[in-house]
Structure formats: C-alpha cells, structure tokens
Amino acid sequence: MVCIVNNEWYPTKKKLKEIIEGTDKEVPIEDPSFVAPRSFFSTDIKDGESVIVTNHPKRSYFATIKNVSGKLKVI
C-alpha cells in the first residue's frame, strides 16, 4: 500500500529527501488502508524496512523511505 505525506509541507521528492536525510526530522506519514489505517512518523520505520509514499492528492511523485542501519534514506 502506498502511504501519504503532506503535499503542502513536502511538495517535491527533493524537498522530502532534504528534510529526511538532512535533518532527520520526523515526517508524518498516513497509511489509508481500509483494513488497518494508521498514522506514524518516518522515524518509526524499523531498521531494514521501507515505506512507499506519495504526495496526495497530486501524486506527482513517489518515493521510498528506507531505514538502512538506523539512517533514513529517500530513494
């Protein structure tokens, strides 16, 4: 399932990458799943896990936020 990041705060993939990799700021993420919807922060992604996100409703970019050895990366 693709999760959602705030379009106003992170309008581009480049801006999202700058925030996550540059400052390790907590980015709020929403999983709109029908079965188990939840809200969490980028810092909650466990080591070795990844989350695919988009900027809803525009969906002009998709990014993968991955935790590699305790460091968040945007791919």
N, C-alpha and C. Protein backbone atom coordinates (compact mmCIF):
# COMPACT_ATOMS: atom_id res chain seq x y z
N MET A 1 0.84 -1.17 0.00
CA MET A 1 0.00 0.00 0.00
C MET A 1 0.89 1.24 0.00
N VAL A 2 0.50 2.21 -0.76
CA VAL A 2 1.22 3.48 -0.81
C VAL A 2 0.69 4.38 0.30
N CYS A 3 1.60 4.96 1.04
CA CYS A 3 1.24 5.87 2.13
C CYS A 3 1.29 7.31 1.64
N ILE A 4 0.84 8.24 2.47
CA ILE A 4 0.69 9.64 2.08
C ILE A 4 1.52 10.54 2.98
N VAL A 5 2.20 11.52 2.35
CA VAL A 5 2.85 12.60 3.10
C VAL A 5 2.14 13.90 2.74
N ASN A 6 2.26 14.89 3.59
CA ASN A 6 1.55 16.16 3.41
C ASN A 6 2.07 16.90 2.18
N ASN A 7 1.20 17.17 1.23
CA ASN A 7 1.55 17.84 -0.02
C ASN A 7 2.03 19.27 0.21
N GLU A 8 1.50 19.96 1.21
CA GLU A 8 1.89 21.35 1.47
C GLU A 8 3.30 21.44 2.07
N TRP A 9 3.65 20.50 2.92
CA TRP A 9 4.96 20.53 3.58
C TRP A 9 6.06 19.95 2.71
N TYR A 10 5.73 18.95 1.90
CA TYR A 10 6.72 18.25 1.07
C TYR A 10 6.22 18.18 -0.37
N PRO A 11 6.22 19.32 -1.07
CA PRO A 11 5.63 19.36 -2.42
C PRO A 11 6.43 18.59 -3.47
N THR A 12 7.71 18.36 -3.21
CA THR A 12 8.55 17.65 -4.18
C THR A 12 9.33 16.55 -3.48
N LYS A 13 9.74 15.58 -4.27
CA LYS A 13 10.57 14.49 -3.74
C LYS A 13 11.90 15.04 -3.23
N LYS A 14 12.43 16.04 -3.91
CA LYS A 14 13.69 16.66 -3.49
C LYS A 14 13.56 17.28 -2.10
N LYS A 15 12.46 17.98 -1.84
CA LYS A 15 12.23 18.60 -0.53
C LYS A 15 12.08 17.53 0.55
N LEU A 16 11.36 16.46 0.24
CA LEU A 16 11.20 15.35 1.19
C LEU A 16 12.55 14.75 1.53
N LYS A 17 13.39 14.54 0.52
CA LYS A 17 14.72 13.98 0.72
C LYS A 17 15.59 14.90 1.57
N GLU A 18 15.54 16.20 1.30
CA GLU A 18 16.32 17.17 2.08
C GLU A 18 15.95 17.13 3.56
N ILE A 19 14.66 17.07 3.83
CA ILE A 19 14.19 17.07 5.22
C ILE A 19 14.57 15.77 5.92
N ILE A 20 14.30 14.64 5.30
CA ILE A 20 14.55 13.35 5.96
C ILE A 20 16.03 13.06 6.10
N GLU A 21 16.80 13.23 5.05
CA GLU A 21 18.22 12.88 5.10
C GLU A 21 19.06 13.99 5.72
N GLY A 22 18.63 15.23 5.61
CA GLY A 22 19.43 16.34 6.10
C GLY A 22 19.27 16.63 7.57
N THR A 23 18.06 16.48 8.09
CA THR A 23 17.81 16.88 9.47
C THR A 23 17.30 15.75 10.35
N ASP A 24 16.98 14.62 9.76
CA ASP A 24 16.36 13.50 10.49
C ASP A 24 15.08 13.94 11.21
N LYS A 25 14.39 14.92 10.63
CA LYS A 25 13.13 15.40 11.19
C LYS A 25 12.06 14.33 11.05
N GLU A 26 11.17 14.27 12.01
CA GLU A 26 10.06 13.32 11.93
C GLU A 26 9.05 13.80 10.90
N VAL A 27 8.84 13.03 9.88
CA VAL A 27 7.87 13.35 8.84
C VAL A 27 6.62 12.51 9.10
N PRO A 28 5.44 13.17 9.27
CA PRO A 28 4.22 12.40 9.49
C PRO A 28 3.80 11.68 8.21
N ILE A 29 3.44 10.41 8.37
CA ILE A 29 3.02 9.56 7.25
C ILE A 29 1.68 8.95 7.61
N GLU A 30 0.80 8.87 6.62
CA GLU A 30 -0.53 8.29 6.82
C GLU A 30 -0.70 7.09 5.91
N ASP A 31 -1.14 5.98 6.49
CA ASP A 31 -1.46 4.78 5.72
C ASP A 31 -2.98 4.69 5.64
N PRO A 32 -3.57 4.94 4.45
CA PRO A 32 -5.02 4.99 4.33
C PRO A 32 -5.68 3.62 4.09
N SER A 33 -5.03 2.56 4.49
CA SER A 33 -5.53 1.21 4.27
C SER A 33 -6.95 1.04 4.83
N PHE A 34 -7.78 0.29 4.13
CA PHE A 34 -9.13 0.02 4.62
C PHE A 34 -9.10 -0.96 5.79
N VAL A 35 -8.14 -1.88 5.75
CA VAL A 35 -8.06 -2.92 6.77
C VAL A 35 -7.46 -2.39 8.07
N ALA A 36 -6.35 -1.68 7.98
CA ALA A 36 -5.66 -1.21 9.19
C ALA A 36 -5.08 0.19 8.97
N PRO A 37 -5.92 1.22 8.87
CA PRO A 37 -5.38 2.58 8.69
C PRO A 37 -4.58 3.01 9.92
N ARG A 38 -3.52 3.77 9.67
CA ARG A 38 -2.70 4.24 10.79
C ARG A 38 -1.93 5.48 10.39
N SER A 39 -1.49 6.21 11.38
CA SER A 39 -0.62 7.36 11.18
C SER A 39 0.66 7.10 11.98
N PHE A 40 1.80 7.45 11.40
CA PHE A 40 3.06 7.24 12.07
C PHE A 40 4.08 8.24 11.55
N PHE A 41 5.26 8.23 12.12
CA PHE A 41 6.33 9.14 11.70
C PHE A 41 7.42 8.35 10.97
N SER A 42 8.18 9.06 10.16
CA SER A 42 9.27 8.42 9.41
C SER A 42 10.27 7.76 10.36
N THR A 43 10.45 8.33 11.53
CA THR A 43 11.39 7.75 12.49
C THR A 43 10.90 6.44 13.10
N ASP A 44 9.62 6.09 12.86
CA ASP A 44 9.07 4.82 13.35
C ASP A 44 9.39 3.65 12.41
N ILE A 45 9.95 3.93 11.25
CA ILE A 45 10.28 2.86 10.30
C ILE A 45 11.47 2.10 10.88
N LYS A 46 11.31 0.79 11.05
CA LYS A 46 12.34 -0.03 11.68
C LYS A 46 13.49 -0.33 10.73
N ASP A 47 14.62 -0.67 11.29
CA ASP A 47 15.81 -0.99 10.51
C ASP A 47 15.52 -2.11 9.51
N GLY A 48 15.86 -1.87 8.26
CA GLY A 48 15.63 -2.84 7.20
C GLY A 48 14.27 -2.73 6.51
N GLU A 49 13.37 -1.94 7.06
CA GLU A 49 12.04 -1.76 6.46
C GLU A 49 12.02 -0.55 5.54
N SER A 50 11.02 -0.52 4.67
CA SER A 50 10.84 0.62 3.78
C SER A 50 9.35 0.89 3.61
N VAL A 51 9.04 2.15 3.24
CA VAL A 51 7.66 2.58 3.04
C VAL A 51 7.62 3.40 1.75
N ILE A 52 6.64 3.11 0.89
CA ILE A 52 6.45 3.88 -0.33
C ILE A 52 5.44 4.98 -0.03
N VAL A 53 5.79 6.24 -0.40
CA VAL A 53 4.92 7.38 -0.11
C VAL A 53 4.66 8.20 -1.38
N THR A 54 3.58 8.97 -1.34
CA THR A 54 3.25 9.90 -2.41
C THR A 54 2.67 11.17 -1.80
N ASN A 55 2.59 12.21 -2.60
CA ASN A 55 2.01 13.49 -2.13
C ASN A 55 0.56 13.57 -2.61
N HIS A 56 -0.34 13.13 -1.78
CA HIS A 56 -1.76 13.10 -2.09
C HIS A 56 -2.34 14.51 -2.02
N PRO A 57 -3.23 14.93 -2.86
CA PRO A 57 -3.90 14.20 -3.93
C PRO A 57 -3.21 14.31 -5.28
N LYS A 58 -2.14 15.11 -5.38
CA LYS A 58 -1.49 15.31 -6.68
C LYS A 58 -0.84 14.05 -7.22
N ARG A 59 -0.19 13.30 -6.34
CA ARG A 59 0.56 12.09 -6.73
C ARG A 59 1.54 12.38 -7.85
N SER A 60 2.21 13.52 -7.72
CA SER A 60 3.19 13.91 -8.75
C SER A 60 4.54 13.25 -8.52
N TYR A 61 4.73 12.63 -7.38
CA TYR A 61 5.97 11.87 -7.14
C TYR A 61 5.68 10.70 -6.21
N PHE A 62 6.50 9.69 -6.33
CA PHE A 62 6.50 8.56 -5.42
C PHE A 62 7.92 8.42 -4.91
N ALA A 63 8.06 8.09 -3.65
CA ALA A 63 9.38 7.92 -3.06
C ALA A 63 9.34 6.73 -2.11
N THR A 64 10.50 6.14 -1.92
CA THR A 64 10.63 5.07 -0.94
C THR A 64 11.49 5.60 0.20
N ILE A 65 10.97 5.52 1.40
CA ILE A 65 11.74 5.89 2.59
C ILE A 65 12.21 4.58 3.21
N LYS A 66 13.51 4.44 3.31
CA LYS A 66 14.09 3.18 3.78
C LYS A 66 15.01 3.44 4.96
N ASN A 67 14.96 2.55 5.95
CA ASN A 67 15.85 2.64 7.09
C ASN A 67 17.01 1.67 6.85
N VAL A 68 18.20 2.23 6.66
CA VAL A 68 19.39 1.43 6.41
C VAL A 68 20.35 1.64 7.58
N SER A 69 20.49 0.64 8.40
CA SER A 69 21.39 0.70 9.56
C SER A 69 21.11 1.90 10.45
N GLY A 70 19.83 2.18 10.69
CA GLY A 70 19.45 3.27 11.57
C GLY A 70 19.42 4.64 10.93
N LYS A 71 19.73 4.73 9.65
CA LYS A 71 19.74 6.01 8.93
C LYS A 71 18.65 5.98 7.86
N LEU A 72 17.80 7.01 7.83
CA LEU A 72 16.73 7.07 6.84
C LEU A 72 17.26 7.58 5.51
N LYS A 73 16.85 6.91 4.43
CA LYS A 73 17.23 7.27 3.07
C LYS A 73 15.97 7.40 2.23
N VAL A 74 15.97 8.36 1.30
CA VAL A 74 14.87 8.52 0.37
C VAL A 74 15.37 8.10 -1.00
N ILE A 75 14.69 7.15 -1.58
CA ILE A 75 15.09 6.61 -2.88
C ILE A 75 14.04 6.98 -3.92
